C-alpha atoms as a PDB file:
ATOM      1  CA  MET A   1      47.270  38.995 101.031  1.00  0.00           C
ATOM      2  CA  LYS A   2      47.283  38.725  97.287  1.00  0.00           C
ATOM      3  CA  HIS A   3      50.615  37.891  95.727  1.00  0.00           C
ATOM      4  CA  PHE A   4      52.877  40.922  95.525  1.00  0.00           C
ATOM      5  CA  SER A   5      53.386  42.061  91.963  1.00  0.00           C
ATOM      6  CA  LEU A   6      55.663  44.877  90.903  1.00  0.00           C
ATOM      7  CA  THR A   7      53.805  44.743  87.594  1.00  0.00           C
ATOM      8  CA  ARG A   8      50.527  45.476  89.394  1.00  0.00           C
ATOM      9  CA  ILE A   9      52.094  48.424  91.195  1.00  0.00           C
ATOM     10  CA  ARG A  10      53.603  49.821  87.982  1.00  0.00           C
ATOM     11  CA  GLU A  11      50.208  49.624  86.260  1.00  0.00           C
ATOM     12  CA  VAL A  12      49.058  52.213  88.783  1.00  0.00           C
ATOM     13  CA  PHE A  13      52.324  54.080  89.449  1.00  0.00           C
ATOM     14  CA  PRO A  14      54.658  53.560  86.434  1.00  0.00           C
ATOM     15  CA  GLN A  15      57.539  55.404  88.122  1.00  0.00           C
ATOM     16  CA  PHE A  16      57.261  53.455  91.392  1.00  0.00           C
ATOM     17  CA  ASN A  17      60.611  53.223  93.200  1.00  0.00           C
ATOM     18  CA  THR A  18      62.404  55.196  90.483  1.00  0.00           C
ATOM     19  CA  ARG A  19      61.253  58.620  91.678  1.00  0.00           C
ATOM     20  CA  PRO A  20      58.928  59.847  94.439  1.00  0.00           C
ATOM     21  CA  ILE A  21      55.233  59.360  93.691  1.00  0.00           C
ATOM     22  CA  THR A  22      53.344  62.622  94.138  1.00  0.00           C
ATOM     23  CA  GLU A  23      50.172  63.375  96.012  1.00  0.00           C
ATOM     24  CA  ALA A  24      48.583  64.283  92.658  1.00  0.00           C
ATOM     25  CA  GLU A  25      49.382  60.774  91.402  1.00  0.00           C
ATOM     26  CA  PHE A  26      47.760  59.320  94.519  1.00  0.00           C
ATOM     27  CA  TRP A  27      44.587  61.323  93.833  1.00  0.00           C
ATOM     28  CA  ARG A  28      44.551  60.271  90.161  1.00  0.00           C
ATOM     29  CA  ALA A  29      44.868  56.606  91.178  1.00  0.00           C
ATOM     30  CA  CYS A  30      42.014  56.983  93.657  1.00  0.00           C
ATOM     31  CA  LYS A  31      39.875  58.573  90.957  1.00  0.00           C
ATOM     32  CA  LYS A  32      40.749  55.783  88.496  1.00  0.00           C
ATOM     33  CA  PHE A  33      39.676  53.085  90.986  1.00  0.00           C
ATOM     34  CA  LYS A  34      36.771  55.134  92.366  1.00  0.00           C
ATOM     35  CA  ILE A  35      38.199  55.192  95.894  1.00  0.00           C
ATOM     36  CA  ILE A  36      36.671  57.783  98.184  1.00  0.00           C
ATOM     37  CA  VAL A  37      39.247  59.411 100.474  1.00  0.00           C
ATOM     38  CA  LYS A  38      38.017  61.000 103.701  1.00  0.00           C
ATOM     39  CA  GLU A  39      39.652  62.580 106.711  1.00  0.00           C
ATOM     40  CA  MET A  40      38.141  61.894 110.121  1.00  0.00           C
ATOM     41  CA  PRO A  41      39.183  61.941 113.776  1.00  0.00           C
ATOM     42  CA  LEU A  42      40.638  58.466 114.364  1.00  0.00           C
ATOM     43  CA  LEU A  43      42.582  56.567 117.002  1.00  0.00           C
ATOM     44  CA  VAL A  44      44.756  55.064 114.230  1.00  0.00           C
ATOM     45  CA  ASP A  45      46.550  56.760 111.322  1.00  0.00           C
ATOM     46  CA  GLY A  46      44.123  55.374 108.782  1.00  0.00           C
ATOM     47  CA  TYR A  47      42.261  52.411 107.398  1.00  0.00           C
ATOM     48  CA  HIS A  48      40.842  51.017 104.187  1.00  0.00           C
ATOM     49  CA  GLU A  49      37.352  49.615 103.813  1.00  0.00           C
ATOM     50  CA  ARG A  50      34.736  48.540 101.333  1.00  0.00           C
ATOM     51  CA  LYS A  51      31.210  49.381 102.325  1.00  0.00           C
ATOM     52  CA  ASN A  52      28.091  48.930 100.231  1.00  0.00           C
ATOM     53  CA  GLY A  53      30.193  48.275  97.137  1.00  0.00           C
ATOM     54  CA  ARG A  54      32.317  51.442  97.489  1.00  0.00           C
ATOM     55  CA  TYR A  55      35.999  51.643  98.417  1.00  0.00           C
ATOM     56  CA  TYR A  56      37.179  54.099 101.058  1.00  0.00           C
ATOM     57  CA  ILE A  57      40.509  55.250 102.435  1.00  0.00           C
ATOM     58  CA  ILE A  58      39.994  57.001 105.749  1.00  0.00           C
ATOM     59  CA  ILE A  59      42.893  59.062 107.120  1.00  0.00           C
ATOM     60  CA  ASN A  60      43.265  60.607 110.564  1.00  0.00           C
ATOM     61  CA  LYS A  61      42.526  64.304 110.126  1.00  0.00           C
ATOM     62  CA  LYS A  62      45.377  65.189 112.505  1.00  0.00           C
ATOM     63  CA  LEU A  63      47.965  63.918 110.010  1.00  0.00           C
ATOM     64  CA  LYS A  64      49.701  66.423 107.762  1.00  0.00           C
ATOM     65  CA  GLY A  65      52.387  66.463 105.102  1.00  0.00           C
ATOM     66  CA  VAL A  66      54.576  63.426 104.610  1.00  0.00           C
ATOM     67  CA  LYS A  67      52.863  61.429 107.374  1.00  0.00           C
ATOM     68  CA  TRP A  68      49.485  61.976 105.680  1.00  0.00           C
ATOM     69  CA  LEU A  69      50.866  60.925 102.294  1.00  0.00           C
ATOM     70  CA  HIS A  70      52.671  57.871 103.694  1.00  0.00           C
ATOM     71  CA  THR A  71      49.413  56.770 105.346  1.00  0.00           C
ATOM     72  CA  ALA A  72      47.521  57.372 102.084  1.00  0.00           C
ATOM     73  CA  PHE A  73      49.957  55.172 100.132  1.00  0.00           C
ATOM     74  CA  HIS A  74      49.957  52.568 102.924  1.00  0.00           C
ATOM     75  CA  GLU A  75      46.164  52.280 102.738  1.00  0.00           C
ATOM     76  CA  PHE A  76      46.234  52.286  98.929  1.00  0.00           C
ATOM     77  CA  CYS A  77      48.552  49.284  99.158  1.00  0.00           C
ATOM     78  CA  HIS A  78      45.881  47.479 101.172  1.00  0.00           C
ATOM     79  CA  PHE A  79      43.450  48.261  98.342  1.00  0.00           C
ATOM     80  CA  LEU A  80      45.853  46.825  95.741  1.00  0.00           C
ATOM     81  CA  PHE A  81      46.819  43.659  97.587  1.00  0.00           C
ATOM     82  CA  ASP A  82      44.489  42.906 100.502  1.00  0.00           C
ATOM     83  CA  VAL A  83      41.043  43.374  98.976  1.00  0.00           C
ATOM     84  CA  PRO A  84      39.087  40.135  99.292  1.00  0.00           C
ATOM     85  CA  ASP A  85      37.754  38.686  96.069  1.00  0.00           C
ATOM     86  CA  THR A  86      34.219  38.727  97.455  1.00  0.00           C
ATOM     87  CA  ARG A  87      31.823  41.657  97.376  1.00  0.00           C
ATOM     88  CA  GLU A  88      31.325  41.656 101.138  1.00  0.00           C
ATOM     89  CA  ASN A  89      31.917  44.698 103.312  1.00  0.00           C
ATOM     90  CA  TYR A  90      35.254  44.757 105.169  1.00  0.00           C
ATOM     91  CA  VAL A  91      37.611  47.053 107.067  1.00  0.00           C
ATOM     92  CA  PHE A  92      41.428  46.814 107.163  1.00  0.00           C
ATOM     93  CA  TYR A  93      43.245  48.428 110.064  1.00  0.00           C
ATOM     94  CA  ARG A  94      46.020  47.382 112.384  1.00  0.00           C
ATOM     95  CA  ASN A  95      43.812  45.759 115.037  1.00  0.00           C
ATOM     96  CA  MET A  96      41.451  43.950 112.697  1.00  0.00           C
ATOM     97  CA  SER A  97      40.137  40.530 113.638  1.00  0.00           C
ATOM     98  CA  GLY A  98      39.624  37.668 111.291  1.00  0.00           C
ATOM     99  CA  SER A  99      40.139  34.012 110.708  1.00  0.00           C
ATOM    100  CA  VAL A 100      43.011  32.420 108.820  1.00  0.00           C
ATOM    101  CA  ALA A 101      44.325  28.908 108.438  1.00  0.00           C
ATOM    102  CA  ARG A 102      46.966  27.667 110.855  1.00  0.00           C
ATOM    103  CA  GLU A 103      50.512  27.079 109.631  1.00  0.00           C
ATOM    104  CA  ASN A 104      53.421  25.107 111.101  1.00  0.00           C
ATOM    105  CA  GLY A 105      51.516  24.117 114.231  1.00  0.00           C
ATOM    106  CA  SER A 106      50.983  27.704 115.367  1.00  0.00           C
ATOM    107  CA  THR A 107      47.785  28.608 117.125  1.00  0.00           C
ATOM    108  CA  GLU A 108      45.164  30.428 115.099  1.00  0.00           C
ATOM    109  CA  ALA A 109      45.710  33.618 117.132  1.00  0.00           C
ATOM    110  CA  GLU A 110      49.474  33.502 116.503  1.00  0.00           C
ATOM    111  CA  GLU A 111      48.897  32.955 112.797  1.00  0.00           C
ATOM    112  CA  ILE A 112      46.477  35.895 112.584  1.00  0.00           C
ATOM    113  CA  LYS A 113      49.030  38.147 114.290  1.00  0.00           C
ATOM    114  CA  ARG A 114      51.850  36.951 112.009  1.00  0.00           C
ATOM    115  CA  ARG A 115      49.842  37.627 108.853  1.00  0.00           C
ATOM    116  CA  ARG A 116      48.712  41.034 110.105  1.00  0.00           C
ATOM    117  CA  ARG A 117      52.311  42.019 110.848  1.00  0.00           C
ATOM    118  CA  GLN A 118      53.382  40.853 107.390  1.00  0.00           C
ATOM    119  CA  ARG A 119      50.581  42.830 105.666  1.00  0.00           C
ATOM    120  CA  GLU A 120      51.370  45.952 107.683  1.00  0.00           C
ATOM    121  CA  LYS A 121      55.113  45.643 107.097  1.00  0.00           C
ATOM    122  CA  PHE A 122      54.490  45.284 103.359  1.00  0.00           C
ATOM    123  CA  ALA A 123      52.119  48.295 103.265  1.00  0.00           C
ATOM    124  CA  ASP A 124      54.647  50.391 105.239  1.00  0.00           C
ATOM    125  CA  ALA A 125      57.436  49.431 102.825  1.00  0.00           C
ATOM    126  CA  PHE A 126      55.173  50.260  99.866  1.00  0.00           C
ATOM    127  CA  GLY A 127      54.320  53.673 101.341  1.00  0.00           C
ATOM    128  CA  LEU A 128      57.978  54.395 101.993  1.00  0.00           C
ATOM    129  CA  ALA A 129      59.038  53.348  98.484  1.00  0.00           C
ATOM    130  CA  CYS A 130      56.374  55.663  97.060  1.00  0.00           C
ATOM    131  CA  LEU A 131      57.861  58.580  98.983  1.00  0.00           C
ATOM    132  CA  ILE A 132      61.568  57.791  98.788  1.00  0.00           C
ATOM    133  CA  PRO A 133      62.882  55.409  96.125  1.00  0.00           C
ATOM    134  CA  LYS A 134      65.329  52.802  97.379  1.00  0.00           C
ATOM    135  CA  SER A 135      68.287  54.418  95.589  1.00  0.00           C
ATOM    136  CA  GLU A 136      67.698  57.625  97.562  1.00  0.00           C
ATOM    137  CA  LEU A 137      67.309  55.687 100.813  1.00  0.00           C
ATOM    138  CA  LEU A 138      70.611  53.943 100.150  1.00  0.00           C
ATOM    139  CA  GLN A 139      72.220  57.361  99.711  1.00  0.00           C
ATOM    140  CA  LEU A 140      70.781  58.433 103.083  1.00  0.00           C
ATOM    141  CA  THR A 141      72.595  55.579 104.818  1.00  0.00           C
ATOM    142  CA  LEU A 142      75.890  57.193 103.819  1.00  0.00           C
ATOM    143  CA  GLU A 143      75.043  60.553 105.388  1.00  0.00           C
ATOM    144  CA  ASP A 144      75.438  61.789 108.958  1.00  0.00           C
ATOM    145  CA  HIS A 145      72.089  61.416 110.729  1.00  0.00           C
ATOM    146  CA  SER A 146      73.108  62.816 114.105  1.00  0.00           C
ATOM    147  CA  ASP A 147      71.097  66.010 113.560  1.00  0.00           C
ATOM    148  CA  SER A 148      68.046  64.281 112.037  1.00  0.00           C
ATOM    149  CA  PRO A 149      66.834  61.072 113.693  1.00  0.00           C
ATOM    150  CA  ASP A 150      63.869  60.944 111.280  1.00  0.00           C
ATOM    151  CA  LEU A 151      66.206  60.428 108.325  1.00  0.00           C
ATOM    152  CA  TRP A 152      67.927  57.580 110.138  1.00  0.00           C
ATOM    153  CA  LEU A 153      64.545  55.949 110.752  1.00  0.00           C
ATOM    154  CA  TYR A 154      63.808  55.985 107.018  1.00  0.00           C
ATOM    155  CA  ALA A 155      67.259  54.745 106.127  1.00  0.00           C
ATOM    156  CA  ALA A 156      66.870  51.900 108.613  1.00  0.00           C
ATOM    157  CA  ARG A 157      63.753  50.727 106.761  1.00  0.00           C
ATOM    158  CA  ILE A 158      65.767  49.696 103.709  1.00  0.00           C
ATOM    159  CA  GLU A 159      65.681  46.125 105.008  1.00  0.00           C
ATOM    160  CA  ALA A 160      61.895  46.056 104.597  1.00  0.00           C
ATOM    161  CA  LEU A 161      62.184  47.311 101.027  1.00  0.00           C
ATOM    162  CA  SER A 162      64.735  44.629 100.225  1.00  0.00           C
ATOM    163  CA  GLU A 163      62.618  41.921 101.820  1.00  0.00           C
ATOM    164  CA  PHE A 164      59.785  42.686  99.391  1.00  0.00           C
ATOM    165  CA  LYS A 165      62.142  43.090  96.414  1.00  0.00           C
ATOM    166  CA  PHE A 166      61.398  46.803  95.903  1.00  0.00           C
END
């Protein structure tokens, strides 16, 4: 994963984490970077790939509304930070395989899993911060969530936002 840079994010989404980023802003960013967005039947929520020199974000056609937009931002994050510097074809999705260097005596398989989890956690936090700025999430933690477990789930993700300094 390329080094996280709030500056890089704000070049694309100047209001990142200060107000919700809109679907229209997502589409403008995709147009700016010439990313083709497609909906298809998938077993996963989405993935990002480069094929024949073109960038694609593929989203499960069953997704709608906020889930669709969160997945779109999640995959856009992979474009911003996980794109290899080579011109080779690649696909990023949760069960991708690959080779990485070992760290701290861990096996190569353990290291691959650790890095995948870290990339996915970062992309999830990015997608969430695009939808709900941290200040609004903090406000949610003060509210009664007994009638809306979904709100509690979002509020519980504040830790991930803090970990990546959003």
